[in-house]
């Protein structure tokens, strides 16, 4: 009897869209980096019913870029290696798992899976809304001149749930600075596509 081996390969891709849901102004629209080691752990934990590994939160930070006095932006490389990888300077985290009891607005902060029958991919769509009053301590207007302000975001990532505390960083994206202030809503639609490359 010969050994049978299934050489089914998987590709994981991510894309984010950051926009104002009232004006529909798109602030960021780009692909992100996948942390493949952490993603493999998360997928195995989820499929193995380990009670962890699934996406639970979106983390925001302000350490992904530097802006020189002339306005030139330098982008750092996304952190996508090492199981303890994190954002460069995480300043805020929001629960996006709509089944989590700590999610204060599961209608607008949620995770959906979308699959079209007959295709070899499934999308995980994570929606996150930063409402007018959040985060606490933000400035009144989006006119900050200091790119190092805690809520001038230039990086974000999805984290998996871990029973022991901070979940693993699954994705990381760095973009031009976007300020969250009291006078604006910001919505993030984050799509992670899991695709089989065979079959």
Protein backbone atom coordinates (compact mmCIF):
# COMPACT_ATOMS: atom_id res chain seq x y z
CA UNK A 1 0.00 0.00 0.00
CA UNK A 2 1.57 3.29 -1.06
CA UNK A 3 1.63 6.38 1.10
CA UNK A 4 -0.79 9.09 0.05
CA UNK A 5 0.10 12.70 0.70
CA UNK A 6 -2.20 15.64 0.10
CA UNK A 7 -0.13 18.56 -1.17
CA UNK A 8 -2.84 21.14 -0.76
CA UNK A 9 -1.25 24.57 -0.28
CA UNK A 10 -2.97 27.57 1.27
CA UNK A 11 -2.47 31.27 0.66
CA UNK A 12 -3.61 33.93 3.13
CA UNK A 13 -3.95 37.51 1.93
CA UNK A 14 -5.20 40.62 3.66
CA UNK A 15 -6.59 43.99 2.62
CA UNK A 16 -7.74 46.99 4.63
CA UNK A 17 -10.00 49.91 3.85
CA UNK A 18 -10.14 52.78 6.35
CA UNK A 19 -12.86 55.32 5.71
CA UNK A 20 -15.32 57.79 7.19
CA UNK A 21 -18.69 55.99 7.07
CA UNK A 22 -20.60 59.29 7.00
CA UNK A 23 -18.77 61.03 4.16
CA UNK A 24 -17.49 57.79 2.53
CA UNK A 25 -14.04 59.45 2.25
CA UNK A 26 -11.46 56.66 1.89
CA UNK A 27 -8.38 57.35 4.02
CA UNK A 28 -6.41 54.13 3.41
CA UNK A 29 -6.92 51.33 0.89
CA UNK A 30 -4.10 48.78 0.74
CA UNK A 31 -2.88 45.22 1.28
CA UNK A 32 -1.27 44.09 4.52
CA UNK A 33 1.44 41.72 5.69
CA UNK A 34 0.47 38.31 7.06
CA UNK A 35 2.38 36.84 9.99
CA UNK A 36 2.47 33.30 8.58
CA UNK A 37 3.87 31.55 11.66
CA UNK A 38 1.26 33.04 13.98
CA UNK A 39 -1.45 32.49 11.37
CA UNK A 40 -0.53 28.80 11.13
CA UNK A 41 -0.77 28.46 14.92
CA UNK A 42 -4.11 30.29 14.95
CA UNK A 43 -5.56 28.11 12.17
CA UNK A 44 -4.44 24.92 13.90
CA UNK A 45 -5.81 26.06 17.27
CA UNK A 46 -9.12 27.05 15.66
CA UNK A 47 -9.48 23.82 13.66
CA UNK A 48 -8.36 21.77 16.65
CA UNK A 49 -11.04 23.38 18.85
CA UNK A 50 -8.41 24.54 21.33
CA UNK A 51 -10.60 27.40 22.57
CA UNK A 52 -8.25 30.02 21.17
CA UNK A 53 -6.60 31.14 17.95
CA UNK A 54 -9.59 32.88 16.43
CA UNK A 55 -9.54 36.63 15.66
CA UNK A 56 -10.68 38.66 18.63
CA UNK A 57 -9.29 42.20 18.45
CA UNK A 58 -7.85 44.93 16.27
CA UNK A 59 -4.87 46.83 17.63
CA UNK A 60 -3.84 50.35 16.60
CA UNK A 61 -0.51 52.13 16.97
CA UNK A 62 1.48 55.20 16.04
CA UNK A 63 4.98 53.76 15.56
CA UNK A 64 4.89 52.58 11.95
CA UNK A 65 6.18 55.74 10.29
CA UNK A 66 8.36 58.74 10.85
CA UNK A 67 7.69 62.14 9.31
CA UNK A 68 10.59 64.53 8.72
CA UNK A 69 10.22 68.35 8.99
CA UNK A 70 9.52 68.63 5.24
CA UNK A 71 6.63 66.15 5.46
CA UNK A 72 8.43 63.16 3.91
CA UNK A 73 7.07 59.92 5.39
CA UNK A 74 9.34 56.94 6.02
CA UNK A 75 7.51 53.62 6.44
CA UNK A 76 8.89 50.85 8.66
CA UNK A 77 8.69 47.19 7.65
CA UNK A 78 5.65 45.34 9.04
CA UNK A 79 6.41 42.95 11.89
CA UNK A 80 5.67 39.49 10.51
CA UNK A 81 8.24 37.20 12.17
CA UNK A 82 8.61 35.83 15.68
CA UNK A 83 5.69 34.51 17.73
CA UNK A 84 5.91 37.53 20.08
CA UNK A 85 5.73 40.10 17.25
CA UNK A 86 3.74 43.23 18.00
CA UNK A 87 2.98 46.66 16.65
CA UNK A 88 5.84 49.13 16.91
CA UNK A 89 3.91 51.27 19.39
CA UNK A 90 0.46 49.98 20.24
CA UNK A 91 -1.80 52.71 21.66
CA UNK A 92 -5.32 51.30 21.42
CA UNK A 93 -7.08 47.94 21.04
CA UNK A 94 -10.71 47.18 20.27
CA UNK A 95 -12.62 43.89 20.55
CA UNK A 96 -14.06 42.96 17.15
CA UNK A 97 -15.31 39.46 17.97
CA UNK A 98 -19.09 39.94 18.05
CA UNK A 99 -19.49 36.86 20.30
CA UNK A 100 -17.19 38.32 22.97
CA UNK A 101 -19.01 39.66 26.06
CA UNK A 102 -16.57 42.60 26.16
CA UNK A 103 -17.64 43.81 22.71
CA UNK A 104 -19.75 46.90 23.51
CA UNK A 105 -21.17 47.29 19.97
CA UNK A 106 -21.34 43.88 18.23
CA UNK A 107 -23.61 45.21 15.48
CA UNK A 108 -20.83 47.47 14.16
CA UNK A 109 -17.73 45.63 15.43
CA UNK A 110 -18.00 42.13 14.05
CA UNK A 111 -16.48 39.25 12.10
CA UNK A 112 -18.19 37.56 9.16
CA UNK A 113 -17.11 34.71 6.91
CA UNK A 114 -18.11 34.85 3.25
CA UNK A 115 -17.87 31.98 0.81
CA UNK A 116 -19.19 31.61 -2.72
CA UNK A 117 -20.10 28.00 -3.43
CA UNK A 118 -17.75 26.36 -5.93
CA UNK A 119 -14.78 28.65 -5.25
CA UNK A 120 -11.58 27.67 -3.42
CA UNK A 121 -11.39 30.69 -1.10
CA UNK A 122 -13.26 32.10 1.90
CA UNK A 123 -13.08 35.66 3.15
CA UNK A 124 -13.02 36.69 6.79
CA UNK A 125 -14.39 40.24 6.93
CA UNK A 126 -13.61 42.14 10.12
CA UNK A 127 -15.50 45.41 10.66
CA UNK A 128 -14.35 47.87 13.32
CA UNK A 129 -15.88 51.28 14.02
CA UNK A 130 -14.09 53.92 16.09
CA UNK A 131 -17.06 56.00 17.24
CA UNK A 132 -16.98 59.72 18.02
CA UNK A 133 -16.21 59.22 21.72
CA UNK A 134 -13.42 56.69 21.35
CA UNK A 135 -10.64 56.37 22.23
CA UNK A 136 -10.80 58.34 25.48
CA UNK A 137 -8.35 61.24 25.49
CA UNK A 138 -8.45 61.99 21.77
CA UNK A 139 -8.29 65.56 20.51
CA UNK A 140 -11.43 67.49 19.56
CA UNK A 141 -10.48 68.07 15.89
CA UNK A 142 -8.43 66.22 13.28
CA UNK A 143 -5.86 69.00 13.00
CA UNK A 144 -2.97 67.49 14.95
CA UNK A 145 0.47 68.63 13.82
CA UNK A 146 2.26 66.04 15.97
CA UNK A 147 2.44 62.69 14.19
CA UNK A 148 3.49 61.10 17.51
CA UNK A 149 0.09 61.79 19.09
CA UNK A 150 -1.24 58.53 20.59
CA UNK A 151 -4.28 58.56 18.31
CA UNK A 152 -2.62 59.53 15.06
CA UNK A 153 -2.60 55.96 13.84
CA UNK A 154 -0.18 54.66 11.20
CA UNK A 155 -0.26 50.92 11.94
CA UNK A 156 -2.80 48.30 12.87
CA UNK A 157 -3.12 44.56 13.11
CA UNK A 158 -5.47 41.73 13.92
CA UNK A 159 -4.83 39.63 17.02
CA UNK A 160 -5.96 36.13 17.88
CA UNK A 161 -7.63 35.21 21.15
CA UNK A 162 -5.38 33.66 23.77
CA UNK A 163 -6.62 32.34 27.10
CA UNK A 164 -3.32 33.42 28.68
CA UNK A 165 -3.56 37.12 27.78
CA UNK A 166 -2.48 39.14 24.76
CA UNK A 167 -3.18 37.22 21.58
CA UNK A 168 -0.70 36.68 18.78
CA UNK A 169 -0.33 39.29 16.02
CA UNK A 170 -1.77 37.73 12.84
CA UNK A 171 -1.47 40.67 10.45
CA UNK A 172 0.30 44.02 10.38
CA UNK A 173 -0.21 46.95 8.06
CA UNK A 174 1.58 50.30 8.01
CA UNK A 175 0.09 53.36 6.32
CA UNK A 176 0.30 57.15 6.23
CA UNK A 177 -0.78 58.75 9.54
CA UNK A 178 -4.55 59.07 10.11
CA UNK A 179 -5.84 60.99 13.12
CA UNK A 180 -8.81 59.78 15.14
CA UNK A 181 -10.50 62.75 16.81
CA UNK A 182 -13.85 63.57 18.40
CA UNK A 183 -15.21 65.16 15.21
CA UNK A 184 -14.91 62.08 12.99
CA UNK A 185 -15.95 58.46 12.74
CA UNK A 186 -13.44 56.00 11.36
CA UNK A 187 -14.39 52.55 10.10
CA UNK A 188 -11.99 49.80 9.19
CA UNK A 189 -13.07 46.96 6.92
CA UNK A 190 -10.34 44.33 7.11
CA UNK A 191 -10.60 41.35 4.75
CA UNK A 192 -8.47 38.24 5.21
CA UNK A 193 -8.79 35.75 2.34
CA UNK A 194 -7.89 32.11 2.94
CA UNK A 195 -7.39 30.38 -0.41
CA UNK A 196 -6.55 26.82 -1.38
CA UNK A 197 -4.03 26.84 -4.25
CA UNK A 198 -5.07 23.37 -5.45
CA UNK A 199 -8.33 21.56 -5.91
